[in-house]
Amino acid sequence: MKPLSSALAALLMAASVAGTALARGPWAATPGNTWGYPLMTPQERTEHQTRMRSFKTYEECKAYQEEHHQQMEARAKEKGTTLPARRAGGFGCDNMKARGYLK
């Protein structure tokens, strides 16, 4: 019976980890996909990631993304630094839409 108990415990643990990963969402904020990442605090990055995961429509996402970009531009100006040019398509909302996470 012990091997069965261990196998069941392992299965339940794996299911719990998988459920947690899904609950966190399909998108993670990284330096490669978050414009202004270096100018954000760890808490702001977490909040940004949570917000990005909350959108159901592409339009909501794009409106927030534009707002975020404007905030990062202002922050860069305040700090006397420049951000790299924005990349067209394939990131953030566009990528999430292409993968079916947004309508």
N, C-alpha and C. Protein backbone atom coordinates (compact mmCIF):
# COMPACT_ATOMS: atom_id res chain seq x y z
N MET A 1 0.80 -1.20 0.00
CA MET A 1 0.00 0.00 0.00
C MET A 1 0.85 1.27 0.00
N LYS A 2 2.04 1.23 0.58
CA LYS A 2 2.87 2.42 0.64
C LYS A 2 3.22 2.96 -0.75
N PRO A 3 3.60 2.10 -1.72
CA PRO A 3 3.91 2.65 -3.05
C PRO A 3 2.70 3.36 -3.65
N LEU A 4 1.51 2.85 -3.42
CA LEU A 4 0.31 3.49 -3.95
C LEU A 4 0.09 4.84 -3.28
N SER A 5 0.31 4.92 -1.98
CA SER A 5 0.16 6.19 -1.25
C SER A 5 1.16 7.21 -1.76
N SER A 6 2.39 6.79 -1.98
CA SER A 6 3.42 7.70 -2.48
C SER A 6 3.08 8.17 -3.89
N ALA A 7 2.60 7.26 -4.72
CA ALA A 7 2.23 7.62 -6.09
C ALA A 7 1.06 8.60 -6.09
N LEU A 8 0.09 8.37 -5.24
CA LEU A 8 -1.06 9.26 -5.14
C LEU A 8 -0.63 10.64 -4.65
N ALA A 9 0.23 10.67 -3.65
CA ALA A 9 0.73 11.95 -3.13
C ALA A 9 1.49 12.71 -4.22
N ALA A 10 2.31 12.01 -4.99
CA ALA A 10 3.07 12.64 -6.07
C ALA A 10 2.13 13.18 -7.15
N LEU A 11 1.10 12.42 -7.46
CA LEU A 11 0.12 12.85 -8.47
C LEU A 11 -0.62 14.10 -8.01
N LEU A 12 -1.04 14.13 -6.77
CA LEU A 12 -1.75 15.29 -6.23
C LEU A 12 -0.84 16.52 -6.20
N MET A 13 0.41 16.31 -5.86
CA MET A 13 1.37 17.41 -5.83
C MET A 13 1.58 17.98 -7.24
N ALA A 14 1.74 17.11 -8.22
CA ALA A 14 1.93 17.53 -9.61
C ALA A 14 0.70 18.30 -10.11
N ALA A 15 -0.46 17.84 -9.77
CA ALA A 15 -1.69 18.51 -10.19
C ALA A 15 -1.79 19.90 -9.56
N SER A 16 -1.37 19.99 -8.31
CA SER A 16 -1.40 21.28 -7.61
C SER A 16 -0.44 22.27 -8.26
N VAL A 17 0.76 21.83 -8.59
CA VAL A 17 1.75 22.69 -9.23
C VAL A 17 1.25 23.13 -10.60
N ALA A 18 0.69 22.22 -11.37
CA ALA A 18 0.17 22.56 -12.69
C ALA A 18 -0.97 23.56 -12.57
N GLY A 19 -1.85 23.38 -11.60
CA GLY A 19 -2.96 24.30 -11.40
C GLY A 19 -2.47 25.69 -11.02
N THR A 20 -1.43 25.75 -10.20
CA THR A 20 -0.85 27.03 -9.82
C THR A 20 -0.26 27.72 -11.03
N ALA A 21 0.45 27.00 -11.87
CA ALA A 21 1.05 27.59 -13.07
C ALA A 21 -0.02 28.15 -13.99
N LEU A 22 -1.11 27.44 -14.16
CA LEU A 22 -2.19 27.92 -15.01
C LEU A 22 -2.88 29.13 -14.41
N ALA A 23 -3.02 29.13 -13.09
CA ALA A 23 -3.68 30.25 -12.42
C ALA A 23 -2.86 31.53 -12.57
N ARG A 24 -1.55 31.40 -12.70
CA ARG A 24 -0.70 32.58 -12.84
C ARG A 24 -0.85 33.21 -14.20
N GLY A 25 -1.27 32.48 -15.18
CA GLY A 25 -1.53 33.06 -16.49
C GLY A 25 -0.52 32.71 -17.55
N PRO A 26 -0.84 33.14 -18.77
CA PRO A 26 -0.04 32.76 -19.92
C PRO A 26 1.14 33.68 -20.19
N TRP A 27 1.26 34.78 -19.48
CA TRP A 27 2.23 35.80 -19.83
C TRP A 27 3.04 36.18 -18.61
N ALA A 28 4.33 36.33 -18.78
CA ALA A 28 5.20 36.76 -17.69
C ALA A 28 6.00 37.98 -18.13
N ALA A 29 6.09 38.97 -17.28
CA ALA A 29 6.86 40.17 -17.58
C ALA A 29 8.35 39.85 -17.52
N THR A 30 9.05 40.15 -18.61
CA THR A 30 10.50 39.94 -18.68
C THR A 30 11.13 41.15 -19.35
N PRO A 31 12.46 41.30 -19.25
CA PRO A 31 13.11 42.41 -19.94
C PRO A 31 12.88 42.37 -21.45
N GLY A 32 12.67 41.19 -22.00
CA GLY A 32 12.49 41.06 -23.44
C GLY A 32 11.10 41.38 -23.94
N ASN A 33 10.10 41.42 -23.05
CA ASN A 33 8.74 41.67 -23.53
C ASN A 33 8.02 42.80 -22.80
N THR A 34 8.73 43.49 -21.93
CA THR A 34 8.10 44.57 -21.17
C THR A 34 8.89 45.85 -21.39
N TRP A 35 8.32 46.75 -22.18
CA TRP A 35 8.99 48.00 -22.48
C TRP A 35 9.10 48.83 -21.22
N GLY A 36 10.32 49.23 -20.87
CA GLY A 36 10.56 50.00 -19.66
C GLY A 36 10.87 49.13 -18.45
N TYR A 37 11.04 47.84 -18.65
CA TYR A 37 11.30 46.90 -17.55
C TYR A 37 12.38 47.40 -16.58
N PRO A 38 13.53 47.89 -17.08
CA PRO A 38 14.58 48.32 -16.15
C PRO A 38 14.18 49.51 -15.27
N LEU A 39 13.17 50.25 -15.69
CA LEU A 39 12.73 51.42 -14.92
C LEU A 39 11.65 51.08 -13.90
N MET A 40 11.25 49.83 -13.86
CA MET A 40 10.17 49.41 -12.97
C MET A 40 10.73 48.73 -11.72
N THR A 41 10.05 48.91 -10.60
CA THR A 41 10.43 48.19 -9.39
C THR A 41 9.91 46.76 -9.50
N PRO A 42 10.45 45.84 -8.70
CA PRO A 42 9.90 44.48 -8.71
C PRO A 42 8.39 44.44 -8.46
N GLN A 43 7.90 45.28 -7.56
CA GLN A 43 6.47 45.31 -7.28
C GLN A 43 5.70 45.79 -8.51
N GLU A 44 6.20 46.80 -9.19
CA GLU A 44 5.53 47.30 -10.39
C GLU A 44 5.51 46.24 -11.48
N ARG A 45 6.58 45.47 -11.59
CA ARG A 45 6.63 44.39 -12.59
C ARG A 45 5.57 43.35 -12.30
N THR A 46 5.44 43.00 -11.03
CA THR A 46 4.42 42.02 -10.63
C THR A 46 3.02 42.56 -10.92
N GLU A 47 2.78 43.81 -10.57
CA GLU A 47 1.48 44.42 -10.82
C GLU A 47 1.19 44.50 -12.32
N HIS A 48 2.21 44.85 -13.11
CA HIS A 48 2.06 44.92 -14.56
C HIS A 48 1.70 43.54 -15.12
N GLN A 49 2.41 42.54 -14.65
CA GLN A 49 2.16 41.17 -15.11
C GLN A 49 0.74 40.74 -14.76
N THR A 50 0.31 41.02 -13.55
CA THR A 50 -1.05 40.67 -13.11
C THR A 50 -2.08 41.39 -13.96
N ARG A 51 -1.83 42.65 -14.22
CA ARG A 51 -2.77 43.44 -15.04
C ARG A 51 -2.85 42.88 -16.45
N MET A 52 -1.69 42.58 -17.05
CA MET A 52 -1.68 42.04 -18.41
C MET A 52 -2.44 40.72 -18.47
N ARG A 53 -2.32 39.91 -17.46
CA ARG A 53 -3.02 38.62 -17.42
C ARG A 53 -4.52 38.76 -17.22
N SER A 54 -4.95 39.92 -16.76
CA SER A 54 -6.37 40.10 -16.43
C SER A 54 -7.23 40.44 -17.64
N PHE A 55 -6.64 40.88 -18.73
CA PHE A 55 -7.43 41.33 -19.87
C PHE A 55 -8.09 40.18 -20.61
N LYS A 56 -9.30 40.46 -21.07
CA LYS A 56 -10.06 39.47 -21.85
C LYS A 56 -10.10 39.85 -23.32
N THR A 57 -9.96 41.17 -23.60
CA THR A 57 -10.03 41.61 -24.99
C THR A 57 -8.74 42.31 -25.40
N TYR A 58 -8.47 42.26 -26.68
CA TYR A 58 -7.30 42.90 -27.26
C TYR A 58 -7.37 44.41 -27.05
N GLU A 59 -8.54 44.99 -27.20
CA GLU A 59 -8.71 46.43 -27.07
C GLU A 59 -8.35 46.91 -25.66
N GLU A 60 -8.82 46.19 -24.64
CA GLU A 60 -8.48 46.54 -23.25
C GLU A 60 -6.97 46.49 -23.06
N CYS A 61 -6.39 45.44 -23.56
CA CYS A 61 -4.96 45.22 -23.40
C CYS A 61 -4.16 46.34 -24.08
N LYS A 62 -4.52 46.67 -25.32
CA LYS A 62 -3.80 47.70 -26.07
C LYS A 62 -3.93 49.06 -25.41
N ALA A 63 -5.11 49.38 -24.86
CA ALA A 63 -5.29 50.66 -24.18
C ALA A 63 -4.36 50.75 -22.97
N TYR A 64 -4.30 49.67 -22.19
CA TYR A 64 -3.39 49.66 -21.04
C TYR A 64 -1.94 49.71 -21.50
N GLN A 65 -1.61 48.96 -22.53
CA GLN A 65 -0.22 48.91 -23.02
C GLN A 65 0.24 50.32 -23.45
N GLU A 66 -0.61 51.05 -24.13
CA GLU A 66 -0.25 52.41 -24.55
C GLU A 66 -0.04 53.31 -23.34
N GLU A 67 -0.92 53.18 -22.35
CA GLU A 67 -0.78 53.96 -21.11
C GLU A 67 0.56 53.63 -20.43
N HIS A 68 0.86 52.35 -20.36
CA HIS A 68 2.12 51.90 -19.74
C HIS A 68 3.32 52.48 -20.50
N HIS A 69 3.28 52.44 -21.82
CA HIS A 69 4.39 52.97 -22.61
C HIS A 69 4.58 54.46 -22.36
N GLN A 70 3.50 55.20 -22.26
CA GLN A 70 3.59 56.63 -21.98
C GLN A 70 4.21 56.88 -20.60
N GLN A 71 3.83 56.08 -19.62
CA GLN A 71 4.40 56.21 -18.28
C GLN A 71 5.91 55.92 -18.29
N MET A 72 6.30 54.91 -19.05
CA MET A 72 7.72 54.56 -19.11
C MET A 72 8.52 55.63 -19.85
N GLU A 73 7.93 56.22 -20.88
CA GLU A 73 8.59 57.33 -21.59
C GLU A 73 8.82 58.50 -20.63
N ALA A 74 7.79 58.85 -19.86
CA ALA A 74 7.90 59.95 -18.90
C ALA A 74 8.96 59.63 -17.84
N ARG A 75 8.97 58.41 -17.36
CA ARG A 75 9.95 58.01 -16.34
C ARG A 75 11.37 58.07 -16.89
N ALA A 76 11.55 57.62 -18.12
CA ALA A 76 12.88 57.66 -18.75
C ALA A 76 13.35 59.11 -18.89
N LYS A 77 12.43 59.98 -19.28
CA LYS A 77 12.77 61.40 -19.44
C LYS A 77 13.18 62.00 -18.10
N GLU A 78 12.44 61.67 -17.03
CA GLU A 78 12.76 62.16 -15.69
C GLU A 78 14.15 61.72 -15.25
N LYS A 79 14.52 60.51 -15.63
CA LYS A 79 15.81 59.95 -15.22
C LYS A 79 16.93 60.28 -16.20
N GLY A 80 16.58 61.00 -17.28
CA GLY A 80 17.59 61.39 -18.26
C GLY A 80 18.14 60.22 -19.06
N THR A 81 17.31 59.23 -19.29
CA THR A 81 17.74 58.06 -20.05
C THR A 81 16.82 57.86 -21.25
N THR A 82 17.24 57.01 -22.15
CA THR A 82 16.39 56.72 -23.31
C THR A 82 16.06 55.25 -23.31
N LEU A 83 14.86 54.97 -23.74
CA LEU A 83 14.42 53.58 -23.89
C LEU A 83 14.67 53.15 -25.34
N PRO A 84 14.87 51.87 -25.56
CA PRO A 84 15.02 51.40 -26.94
C PRO A 84 13.74 51.66 -27.73
N ALA A 85 13.87 51.73 -29.03
CA ALA A 85 12.70 51.92 -29.88
C ALA A 85 11.70 50.80 -29.63
N ARG A 86 10.44 51.14 -29.71
CA ARG A 86 9.39 50.12 -29.54
C ARG A 86 9.43 49.18 -30.73
N ARG A 87 9.26 47.93 -30.44
CA ARG A 87 9.20 46.92 -31.51
C ARG A 87 7.76 46.79 -31.99
N ALA A 88 7.61 46.64 -33.27
CA ALA A 88 6.26 46.53 -33.85
C ALA A 88 5.79 45.09 -33.82
N GLY A 89 4.63 44.87 -33.24
CA GLY A 89 3.97 43.55 -33.27
C GLY A 89 4.75 42.43 -32.59
N GLY A 90 4.03 41.37 -32.30
CA GLY A 90 4.66 40.17 -31.75
C GLY A 90 4.95 40.19 -30.27
N PHE A 91 4.66 41.30 -29.59
CA PHE A 91 4.95 41.37 -28.17
C PHE A 91 3.71 41.80 -27.41
N GLY A 92 3.68 41.52 -26.13
CA GLY A 92 2.57 41.96 -25.29
C GLY A 92 1.22 41.52 -25.82
N CYS A 93 0.36 42.48 -26.04
CA CYS A 93 -1.02 42.22 -26.45
C CYS A 93 -1.09 41.48 -27.78
N ASP A 94 -0.23 41.87 -28.73
CA ASP A 94 -0.25 41.22 -30.04
C ASP A 94 0.09 39.73 -29.91
N ASN A 95 1.07 39.43 -29.11
CA ASN A 95 1.47 38.04 -28.91
C ASN A 95 0.38 37.26 -28.18
N MET A 96 -0.22 37.88 -27.17
CA MET A 96 -1.28 37.21 -26.42
C MET A 96 -2.49 36.93 -27.32
N LYS A 97 -2.81 37.87 -28.21
CA LYS A 97 -3.92 37.67 -29.14
C LYS A 97 -3.61 36.52 -30.12
N ALA A 98 -2.40 36.54 -30.63
CA ALA A 98 -1.99 35.49 -31.59
C ALA A 98 -2.04 34.10 -30.95
N ARG A 99 -1.81 34.02 -29.66
CA ARG A 99 -1.84 32.74 -28.96
C ARG A 99 -3.23 32.38 -28.44
N GLY A 100 -4.21 33.23 -28.68
CA GLY A 100 -5.58 32.92 -28.28
C GLY A 100 -5.96 33.29 -26.86
N TYR A 101 -5.12 34.07 -26.19
CA TYR A 101 -5.44 34.47 -24.82
C TYR A 101 -6.37 35.67 -24.76
N LEU A 102 -6.46 36.42 -25.86
CA LEU A 102 -7.34 37.60 -25.93
C LEU A 102 -8.29 37.46 -27.10
N LYS A 103 -9.48 38.03 -26.95
CA LYS A 103 -10.48 37.99 -28.04
C LYS A 103 -10.35 39.24 -28.88
